[in-house]
Amino acid sequence: MKRAIPIDLQQIQRKLLAAFERHGSDGRAITLQSLAASVVAHTNAKELRLALKDLIDRGLVRRAGEDPIPGSPIAFRLAAPVMRAGVDKTEDQSN
């Protein structure tokens, strides 16, 4: 039996990564509830979990905290800080 993968899984992943870049590019963690609100209202929880799991498997996102407090919201963060375009070009080359 084939596993059904939503056609718009990549679109959901792009929206998740955009949310991480916008709100967590400095290393801050984002809760699962905030990610769900940032993506799209009509995305169901199963699709969101599948997209997030794929991003984790690819090493782009990781779970925040090793041993969360019971009852606390689950949070995730980017695995590496986002490098903005042109950051490496800001060096003074007048020398």
PDB file of N, CA and C in Angstrom:
ATOM      1  N   MET A   1       0.843  -1.182   0.000  1.00  0.00           N
ATOM      2  CA  MET A   1       0.000   0.000   0.000  1.00  0.00           C
ATOM      3  C   MET A   1       0.886   1.242   0.000  1.00  0.00           C
ATOM      4  N   LYS A   2       0.600   2.154  -0.895  1.00  0.00           N
ATOM      5  CA  LYS A   2       1.382   3.385  -0.985  1.00  0.00           C
ATOM      6  C   LYS A   2       0.976   4.371   0.097  1.00  0.00           C
ATOM      7  N   ARG A   3       1.963   5.108   0.568  1.00  0.00           N
ATOM      8  CA  ARG A   3       1.688   6.152   1.551  1.00  0.00           C
ATOM      9  C   ARG A   3       1.248   7.397   0.808  1.00  0.00           C
ATOM     10  N   ALA A   4       0.109   7.907   1.154  1.00  0.00           N
ATOM     11  CA  ALA A   4      -0.423   9.104   0.489  1.00  0.00           C
ATOM     12  C   ALA A   4       0.339  10.336   0.945  1.00  0.00           C
ATOM     13  N   ILE A   5       0.965  11.022   0.010  1.00  0.00           N
ATOM     14  CA  ILE A   5       1.688  12.250   0.311  1.00  0.00           C
ATOM     15  C   ILE A   5       0.938  13.392  -0.348  1.00  0.00           C
ATOM     16  N   PRO A   6       0.574  14.408   0.407  1.00  0.00           N
ATOM     17  CA  PRO A   6      -0.159  15.525  -0.187  1.00  0.00           C
ATOM     18  C   PRO A   6       0.650  16.190  -1.297  1.00  0.00           C
ATOM     19  N   ILE A   7      -0.045  16.583  -2.339  1.00  0.00           N
ATOM     20  CA  ILE A   7       0.604  17.226  -3.475  1.00  0.00           C
ATOM     21  C   ILE A   7       1.252  18.535  -3.052  1.00  0.00           C
ATOM     22  N   ASP A   8       0.630  19.238  -2.144  1.00  0.00           N
ATOM     23  CA  ASP A   8       1.148  20.543  -1.748  1.00  0.00           C
ATOM     24  C   ASP A   8       2.110  20.467  -0.555  1.00  0.00           C
ATOM     25  N   LEU A   9       2.742  19.311  -0.341  1.00  0.00           N
ATOM     26  CA  LEU A   9       3.677  19.157   0.775  1.00  0.00           C
ATOM     27  C   LEU A   9       4.842  20.128   0.650  1.00  0.00           C
ATOM     28  N   GLN A  10       5.375  20.292  -0.553  1.00  0.00           N
ATOM     29  CA  GLN A  10       6.487  21.224  -0.742  1.00  0.00           C
ATOM     30  C   GLN A  10       6.062  22.662  -0.478  1.00  0.00           C
ATOM     31  N   GLN A  11       4.840  22.996  -0.828  1.00  0.00           N
ATOM     32  CA  GLN A  11       4.334  24.345  -0.568  1.00  0.00           C
ATOM     33  C   GLN A  11       4.247  24.587   0.942  1.00  0.00           C
ATOM     34  N   ILE A  12       3.787  23.596   1.675  1.00  0.00           N
ATOM     35  CA  ILE A  12       3.708  23.712   3.134  1.00  0.00           C
ATOM     36  C   ILE A  12       5.115  23.851   3.716  1.00  0.00           C
ATOM     37  N   GLN A  13       6.072  23.077   3.193  1.00  0.00           N
ATOM     38  CA  GLN A  13       7.447  23.167   3.678  1.00  0.00           C
ATOM     39  C   GLN A  13       8.036  24.546   3.406  1.00  0.00           C
ATOM     40  N   ARG A  14       7.758  25.100   2.231  1.00  0.00           N
ATOM     41  CA  ARG A  14       8.253  26.456   1.930  1.00  0.00           C
ATOM     42  C   ARG A  14       7.672  27.475   2.892  1.00  0.00           C
ATOM     43  N   LYS A  15       6.409  27.335   3.225  1.00  0.00           N
ATOM     44  CA  LYS A  15       5.784  28.263   4.166  1.00  0.00           C
ATOM     45  C   LYS A  15       6.354  28.092   5.567  1.00  0.00           C
ATOM     46  N   LEU A  16       6.630  26.849   5.954  1.00  0.00           N
ATOM     47  CA  LEU A  16       7.251  26.614   7.257  1.00  0.00           C
ATOM     48  C   LEU A  16       8.638  27.249   7.320  1.00  0.00           C
ATOM     49  N   LEU A  17       9.440  27.031   6.284  1.00  0.00           N
ATOM     50  CA  LEU A  17      10.778  27.621   6.261  1.00  0.00           C
ATOM     51  C   LEU A  17      10.714  29.144   6.253  1.00  0.00           C
ATOM     52  N   ALA A  18       9.738  29.703   5.540  1.00  0.00           N
ATOM     53  CA  ALA A  18       9.580  31.160   5.529  1.00  0.00           C
ATOM     54  C   ALA A  18       9.231  31.665   6.932  1.00  0.00           C
ATOM     55  N   ALA A  19       8.387  30.925   7.644  1.00  0.00           N
ATOM     56  CA  ALA A  19       8.035  31.320   9.014  1.00  0.00           C
ATOM     57  C   ALA A  19       9.263  31.244   9.926  1.00  0.00           C
ATOM     58  N   PHE A  20      10.079  30.198   9.761  1.00  0.00           N
ATOM     59  CA  PHE A  20      11.300  30.091  10.559  1.00  0.00           C
ATOM     60  C   PHE A  20      12.261  31.220  10.235  1.00  0.00           C
ATOM     61  N   GLU A  21      12.399  31.569   8.968  1.00  0.00           N
ATOM     62  CA  GLU A  21      13.312  32.648   8.585  1.00  0.00           C
ATOM     63  C   GLU A  21      12.818  33.995   9.099  1.00  0.00           C
ATOM     64  N   ARG A  22      11.503  34.190   9.083  1.00  0.00           N
ATOM     65  CA  ARG A  22      10.938  35.467   9.502  1.00  0.00           C
ATOM     66  C   ARG A  22      10.983  35.630  11.016  1.00  0.00           C
ATOM     67  N   HIS A  23      10.622  34.578  11.756  1.00  0.00           N
ATOM     68  CA  HIS A  23      10.470  34.715  13.211  1.00  0.00           C
ATOM     69  C   HIS A  23      11.571  34.045  14.022  1.00  0.00           C
ATOM     70  N   GLY A  24      12.329  33.137  13.418  1.00  0.00           N
ATOM     71  CA  GLY A  24      13.313  32.403  14.196  1.00  0.00           C
ATOM     72  C   GLY A  24      14.692  32.371  13.576  1.00  0.00           C
ATOM     73  N   SER A  25      14.989  33.332  12.721  1.00  0.00           N
ATOM     74  CA  SER A  25      16.288  33.323  12.048  1.00  0.00           C
ATOM     75  C   SER A  25      17.448  33.560  13.006  1.00  0.00           C
ATOM     76  N   ASP A  26      17.161  34.117  14.168  1.00  0.00           N
ATOM     77  CA  ASP A  26      18.222  34.365  15.150  1.00  0.00           C
ATOM     78  C   ASP A  26      18.398  33.199  16.118  1.00  0.00           C
ATOM     79  N   GLY A  27      17.739  32.072  15.838  1.00  0.00           N
ATOM     80  CA  GLY A  27      17.895  30.887  16.667  1.00  0.00           C
ATOM     81  C   GLY A  27      16.766  30.638  17.638  1.00  0.00           C
ATOM     82  N   ARG A  28      15.806  31.559  17.691  1.00  0.00           N
ATOM     83  CA  ARG A  28      14.677  31.361  18.599  1.00  0.00           C
ATOM     84  C   ARG A  28      13.816  30.200  18.143  1.00  0.00           C
ATOM     85  N   ALA A  29      13.215  29.512  19.099  1.00  0.00           N
ATOM     86  CA  ALA A  29      12.323  28.401  18.804  1.00  0.00           C
ATOM     87  C   ALA A  29      10.911  28.921  18.556  1.00  0.00           C
ATOM     88  N   ILE A  30      10.165  28.190  17.743  1.00  0.00           N
ATOM     89  CA  ILE A  30       8.786  28.551  17.426  1.00  0.00           C
ATOM     90  C   ILE A  30       7.915  27.361  17.797  1.00  0.00           C
ATOM     91  N   THR A  31       6.835  27.615  18.525  1.00  0.00           N
ATOM     92  CA  THR A  31       5.961  26.527  18.956  1.00  0.00           C
ATOM     93  C   THR A  31       5.183  25.962  17.774  1.00  0.00           C
ATOM     94  N   LEU A  32       4.736  24.742  17.954  1.00  0.00           N
ATOM     95  CA  LEU A  32       3.957  24.068  16.917  1.00  0.00           C
ATOM     96  C   LEU A  32       2.675  24.836  16.613  1.00  0.00           C
ATOM     97  N   GLN A  33       2.056  25.409  17.637  1.00  0.00           N
ATOM     98  CA  GLN A  33       0.844  26.185  17.440  1.00  0.00           C
ATOM     99  C   GLN A  33       1.116  27.429  16.608  1.00  0.00           C
ATOM    100  N   SER A  34       2.225  28.096  16.860  1.00  0.00           N
ATOM    101  CA  SER A  34       2.572  29.284  16.084  1.00  0.00           C
ATOM    102  C   SER A  34       2.890  28.924  14.637  1.00  0.00           C
ATOM    103  N   LEU A  35       3.561  27.796  14.436  1.00  0.00           N
ATOM    104  CA  LEU A  35       3.843  27.345  13.074  1.00  0.00           C
ATOM    105  C   LEU A  35       2.547  27.050  12.320  1.00  0.00           C
ATOM    106  N   ALA A  36       1.614  26.402  12.998  1.00  0.00           N
ATOM    107  CA  ALA A  36       0.331  26.085  12.362  1.00  0.00           C
ATOM    108  C   ALA A  36      -0.407  27.358  11.979  1.00  0.00           C
ATOM    109  N   ALA A  37      -0.344  28.369  12.831  1.00  0.00           N
ATOM    110  CA  ALA A  37      -1.009  29.637  12.522  1.00  0.00           C
ATOM    111  C   ALA A  37      -0.291  30.383  11.406  1.00  0.00           C
ATOM    112  N   SER A  38       1.022  30.202  11.297  1.00  0.00           N
ATOM    113  CA  SER A  38       1.798  30.899  10.272  1.00  0.00           C
ATOM    114  C   SER A  38       1.633  30.286   8.890  1.00  0.00           C
ATOM    115  N   VAL A  39       1.346  28.999   8.829  1.00  0.00           N
ATOM    116  CA  VAL A  39       1.295  28.325   7.528  1.00  0.00           C
ATOM    117  C   VAL A  39      -0.001  28.682   6.815  1.00  0.00           C
ATOM    118  N   VAL A  40      -1.065  28.004   7.126  1.00  0.00           N
ATOM    119  CA  VAL A  40      -2.352  28.258   6.481  1.00  0.00           C
ATOM    120  C   VAL A  40      -3.434  27.671   7.369  1.00  0.00           C
ATOM    121  N   ALA A  41      -4.547  28.333   7.419  1.00  0.00           N
ATOM    122  CA  ALA A  41      -5.646  27.865   8.260  1.00  0.00           C
ATOM    123  C   ALA A  41      -6.232  26.544   7.759  1.00  0.00           C
ATOM    124  N   HIS A  42      -6.245  26.319   6.433  1.00  0.00           N
ATOM    125  CA  HIS A  42      -6.884  25.111   5.921  1.00  0.00           C
ATOM    126  C   HIS A  42      -5.947  23.903   5.829  1.00  0.00           C
ATOM    127  N   THR A  43      -4.704  24.035   6.243  1.00  0.00           N
ATOM    128  CA  THR A  43      -3.791  22.899   6.289  1.00  0.00           C
ATOM    129  C   THR A  43      -4.126  22.067   7.511  1.00  0.00           C
ATOM    130  N   ASN A  44      -4.347  20.772   7.299  1.00  0.00           N
ATOM    131  CA  ASN A  44      -4.699  19.956   8.456  1.00  0.00           C
ATOM    132  C   ASN A  44      -3.440  19.555   9.227  1.00  0.00           C
ATOM    133  N   ALA A  45      -3.635  19.079  10.430  1.00  0.00           N
ATOM    134  CA  ALA A  45      -2.528  18.776  11.332  1.00  0.00           C
ATOM    135  C   ALA A  45      -1.638  17.666  10.782  1.00  0.00           C
ATOM    136  N   LYS A  46      -2.241  16.701  10.095  1.00  0.00           N
ATOM    137  CA  LYS A  46      -1.461  15.592   9.549  1.00  0.00           C
ATOM    138  C   LYS A  46      -0.479  16.088   8.487  1.00  0.00           C
ATOM    139  N   GLU A  47      -0.931  16.959   7.598  1.00  0.00           N
ATOM    140  CA  GLU A  47      -0.055  17.512   6.570  1.00  0.00           C
ATOM    141  C   GLU A  47       1.059  18.352   7.190  1.00  0.00           C
ATOM    142  N   LEU A  48       0.720  19.130   8.205  1.00  0.00           N
ATOM    143  CA  LEU A  48       1.714  19.962   8.886  1.00  0.00           C
ATOM    144  C   LEU A  48       2.779  19.089   9.543  1.00  0.00           C
ATOM    145  N   ARG A  49       2.377  18.049  10.240  1.00  0.00           N
ATOM    146  CA  ARG A  49       3.330  17.139  10.889  1.00  0.00           C
ATOM    147  C   ARG A  49       4.204  16.432   9.863  1.00  0.00           C
ATOM    148  N   LEU A  50       3.609  16.015   8.743  1.00  0.00           N
ATOM    149  CA  LEU A  50       4.369  15.338   7.700  1.00  0.00           C
ATOM    150  C   LEU A  50       5.415  16.266   7.088  1.00  0.00           C
ATOM    151  N   ALA A  51       5.035  17.506   6.816  1.00  0.00           N
ATOM    152  CA  ALA A  51       5.973  18.484   6.252  1.00  0.00           C
ATOM    153  C   ALA A  51       7.086  18.801   7.247  1.00  0.00           C
ATOM    154  N   LEU A  52       6.730  18.966   8.515  1.00  0.00           N
ATOM    155  CA  LEU A  52       7.723  19.263   9.549  1.00  0.00           C
ATOM    156  C   LEU A  52       8.668  18.084   9.746  1.00  0.00           C
ATOM    157  N   LYS A  53       8.140  16.863   9.725  1.00  0.00           N
ATOM    158  CA  LYS A  53       8.974  15.666   9.869  1.00  0.00           C
ATOM    159  C   LYS A  53       9.970  15.566   8.722  1.00  0.00           C
ATOM    160  N   ASP A  54       9.543  15.880   7.514  1.00  0.00           N
ATOM    161  CA  ASP A  54      10.444  15.824   6.370  1.00  0.00           C
ATOM    162  C   ASP A  54      11.560  16.869   6.510  1.00  0.00           C
ATOM    163  N   LEU A  55      11.224  18.064   6.993  1.00  0.00           N
ATOM    164  CA  LEU A  55      12.246  19.096   7.208  1.00  0.00           C
ATOM    165  C   LEU A  55      13.249  18.661   8.276  1.00  0.00           C
ATOM    166  N   ILE A  56      12.775  17.980   9.301  1.00  0.00           N
ATOM    167  CA  ILE A  56      13.659  17.474  10.354  1.00  0.00           C
ATOM    168  C   ILE A  56      14.555  16.380   9.795  1.00  0.00           C
ATOM    169  N   ASP A  57      13.967  15.467   9.007  1.00  0.00           N
ATOM    170  CA  ASP A  57      14.751  14.383   8.407  1.00  0.00           C
ATOM    171  C   ASP A  57      15.828  14.916   7.472  1.00  0.00           C
ATOM    172  N   ARG A  58      15.554  16.020   6.800  1.00  0.00           N
ATOM    173  CA  ARG A  58      16.519  16.628   5.885  1.00  0.00           C
ATOM    174  C   ARG A  58      17.557  17.475   6.618  1.00  0.00           C
ATOM    175  N   GLY A  59      17.392  17.673   7.931  1.00  0.00           N
ATOM    176  CA  GLY A  59      18.372  18.403   8.724  1.00  0.00           C
ATOM    177  C   GLY A  59      18.213  19.911   8.685  1.00  0.00           C
ATOM    178  N   LEU A  60      17.089  20.416   8.209  1.00  0.00           N
ATOM    179  CA  LEU A  60      16.877  21.855   8.137  1.00  0.00           C
ATOM    180  C   LEU A  60      16.304  22.426   9.427  1.00  0.00           C
ATOM    181  N   VAL A  61      15.551  21.605  10.151  1.00  0.00           N
ATOM    182  CA  VAL A  61      14.872  22.030  11.377  1.00  0.00           C
ATOM    183  C   VAL A  61      15.134  20.973  12.437  1.00  0.00           C
ATOM    184  N   ARG A  62      15.171  21.403  13.699  1.00  0.00           N
ATOM    185  CA  ARG A  62      15.320  20.447  14.788  1.00  0.00           C
ATOM    186  C   ARG A  62      14.399  20.826  15.933  1.00  0.00           C
ATOM    187  N   ARG A  63      14.118  19.873  16.768  1.00  0.00           N
ATOM    188  CA  ARG A  63      13.275  20.128  17.925  1.00  0.00           C
ATOM    189  C   ARG A  63      14.046  20.943  18.944  1.00  0.00           C
ATOM    190  N   ALA A  64      13.394  21.908  19.543  1.00  0.00           N
ATOM    191  CA  ALA A  64      14.035  22.775  20.535  1.00  0.00           C
ATOM    192  C   ALA A  64      13.958  22.112  21.902  1.00  0.00           C
ATOM    193  N   GLY A  65      15.072  22.064  22.571  1.00  0.00           N
ATOM    194  CA  GLY A  65      15.110  21.482  23.906  1.00  0.00           C
ATOM    195  C   GLY A  65      15.236  19.977  23.866  1.00  0.00           C
ATOM    196  N   GLU A  66      16.095  19.456  24.680  1.00  0.00           N
ATOM    197  CA  GLU A  66      16.306  18.015  24.731  1.00  0.00           C
ATOM    198  C   GLU A  66      15.301  17.328  25.644  1.00  0.00           C
ATOM    199  N   ASP A  67      14.979  17.941  26.756  1.00  0.00           N
ATOM    200  CA  ASP A  67      14.083  17.330  27.727  1.00  0.00           C
ATOM    201  C   ASP A  67      13.018  18.350  28.118  1.00  0.00           C
ATOM    202  N   PRO A  68      11.961  18.471  27.296  1.00  0.00           N
ATOM    203  CA  PRO A  68      10.955  19.500  27.595  1.00  0.00           C
ATOM    204  C   PRO A  68      10.184  19.213  28.883  1.00  0.00           C
ATOM    205  N   ILE A  69       9.727  20.258  29.490  1.00  0.00           N
ATOM    206  CA  ILE A  69       8.910  20.151  30.694  1.00  0.00           C
ATOM    207  C   ILE A  69       7.565  19.555  30.295  1.00  0.00           C
ATOM    208  N   PRO A  70       7.085  18.547  31.032  1.00  0.00           N
ATOM    209  CA  PRO A  70       5.780  17.966  30.688  1.00  0.00           C
ATOM    210  C   PRO A  70       4.680  19.030  30.668  1.00  0.00           C
ATOM    211  N   GLY A  71       3.902  19.018  29.614  1.00  0.00           N
ATOM    212  CA  GLY A  71       2.814  19.977  29.475  1.00  0.00           C
ATOM    213  C   GLY A  71       3.205  21.250  28.750  1.00  0.00           C
ATOM    214  N   SER A  72       4.500  21.441  28.500  1.00  0.00           N
ATOM    215  CA  SER A  72       4.929  22.645  27.784  1.00  0.00           C
ATOM    216  C   SER A  72       4.732  22.437  26.286  1.00  0.00           C
ATOM    217  N   PRO A  73       4.517  23.530  25.552  1.00  0.00           N
ATOM    218  CA  PRO A  73       4.320  23.387  24.105  1.00  0.00           C
ATOM    219  C   PRO A  73       5.586  22.888  23.419  1.00  0.00           C
ATOM    220  N   ILE A  74       5.394  22.085  22.387  1.00  0.00           N
ATOM    221  CA  ILE A  74       6.511  21.577  21.598  1.00  0.00           C
ATOM    222  C   ILE A  74       6.971  22.690  20.666  1.00  0.00           C
ATOM    223  N   ALA A  75       8.287  22.885  20.593  1.00  0.00           N
ATOM    224  CA  ALA A  75       8.834  23.959  19.764  1.00  0.00           C
ATOM    225  C   ALA A  75       9.946  23.408  18.874  1.00  0.00           C
ATOM    226  N   PHE A  76      10.178  24.130  17.785  1.00  0.00           N
ATOM    227  CA  PHE A  76      11.204  23.757  16.814  1.00  0.00           C
ATOM    228  C   PHE A  76      12.011  24.991  16.454  1.00  0.00           C
ATOM    229  N   ARG A  77      13.231  24.774  15.938  1.00  0.00           N
ATOM    230  CA  ARG A  77      14.070  25.882  15.489  1.00  0.00           C
ATOM    231  C   ARG A  77      14.852  25.436  14.268  1.00  0.00           C
ATOM    232  N   LEU A  78      15.375  26.416  13.546  1.00  0.00           N
ATOM    233  CA  LEU A  78      16.225  26.114  12.406  1.00  0.00           C
ATOM    234  C   LEU A  78      17.476  25.399  12.898  1.00  0.00           C
ATOM    235  N   ALA A  79      17.974  24.462  12.118  1.00  0.00           N
ATOM    236  CA  ALA A  79      19.169  23.717  12.519  1.00  0.00           C
ATOM    237  C   ALA A  79      20.413  24.580  12.440  1.00  0.00           C
ATOM    238  N   ALA A  80      20.416  25.559  11.528  1.00  0.00           N
ATOM    239  CA  ALA A  80      21.550  26.479  11.388  1.00  0.00           C
ATOM    240  C   ALA A  80      20.994  27.878  11.149  1.00  0.00           C
ATOM    241  N   PRO A  81      21.689  28.904  11.623  1.00  0.00           N
ATOM    242  CA  PRO A  81      21.222  30.267  11.383  1.00  0.00           C
ATOM    243  C   PRO A  81      21.127  30.559   9.889  1.00  0.00           C
ATOM    244  N   VAL A  82      20.171  31.365   9.530  1.00  0.00           N
ATOM    245  CA  VAL A  82      19.969  31.721   8.127  1.00  0.00           C
ATOM    246  C   VAL A  82      20.991  32.771   7.730  1.00  0.00           C
ATOM    247  N   MET A  83      21.656  32.543   6.619  1.00  0.00           N
ATOM    248  CA  MET A  83      22.594  33.525   6.087  1.00  0.00           C
ATOM    249  C   MET A  83      21.844  34.402   5.087  1.00  0.00           C
ATOM    250  N   ARG A  84      21.748  35.648   5.369  1.00  0.00           N
ATOM    251  CA  ARG A  84      21.084  36.579   4.463  1.00  0.00           C
ATOM    252  C   ARG A  84      21.960  36.831   3.246  1.00  0.00           C
ATOM    253  N   ALA A  85      21.358  37.083   2.120  1.00  0.00           N
ATOM    254  CA  ALA A  85      22.098  37.348   0.881  1.00  0.00           C
ATOM    255  C   ALA A  85      22.912  38.613   1.043  1.00  0.00           C
ATOM    256  N   GLY A  86      24.153  38.544   0.643  1.00  0.00           N
ATOM    257  CA  GLY A  86      25.010  39.717   0.691  1.00  0.00           C
ATOM    258  C   GLY A  86      25.741  39.923   1.991  1.00  0.00           C
ATOM    259  N   VAL A  87      25.531  39.079   2.986  1.00  0.00           N
ATOM    260  CA  VAL A  87      26.205  39.253   4.264  1.00  0.00           C
ATOM    261  C   VAL A  87      27.706  39.092   4.089  1.00  0.00           C
ATOM    262  N   ASP A  88      28.123  38.133   3.273  1.00  0.00           N
ATOM    263  CA  ASP A  88      29.551  37.894   3.070  1.00  0.00           C
ATOM    264  C   ASP A  88      30.200  38.996   2.251  1.00  0.00           C
ATOM    265  N   LYS A  89      29.418  39.793   1.554  1.00  0.00           N
ATOM    266  CA  LYS A  89      29.966  40.836   0.686  1.00  0.00           C
ATOM    267  C   LYS A  89      30.130  42.171   1.399  1.00  0.00           C
ATOM    268  N   THR A  90      29.850  42.228   2.684  1.00  0.00           N
ATOM    269  CA  THR A  90      29.909  43.488   3.415  1.00  0.00           C
ATOM    270  C   THR A  90      31.301  43.827   3.916  1.00  0.00           C
ATOM    271  N   GLU A  91      32.254  42.937   3.684  1.00  0.00           N
ATOM    272  CA  GLU A  91      33.608  43.207   4.147  1.00  0.00           C
ATOM    273  C   GLU A  91      34.191  44.395   3.407  1.00  0.00           C
ATOM    274  N   ASP A  92      34.989  45.162   4.091  1.00  0.00           N
ATOM    275  CA  ASP A  92      35.631  46.314   3.493  1.00  0.00           C
ATOM    276  C   ASP A  92      36.775  45.836   2.602  1.00  0.00           C
ATOM    277  N   GLN A  93      36.674  46.110   1.310  1.00  0.00           N
ATOM    278  CA  GLN A  93      37.683  45.657   0.381  1.00  0.00           C
ATOM    279  C   GLN A  93      38.529  46.825  -0.121  1.00  0.00           C
ATOM    280  N   SER A  94      38.615  47.898   0.662  1.00  0.00           N
ATOM    281  CA  SER A  94      39.391  49.072   0.251  1.00  0.00           C
ATOM    282  C   SER A  94      40.890  48.887   0.437  1.00  0.00           C
ATOM    283  N   ASN A  95      41.295  47.843   1.187  1.00  0.00           N
ATOM    284  CA  ASN A  95      42.725  47.623   1.442  1.00  0.00           C
ATOM    285  C   ASN A  95      43.438  47.131   0.241  1.00  0.00           C
TER     286      ASN A  95
END
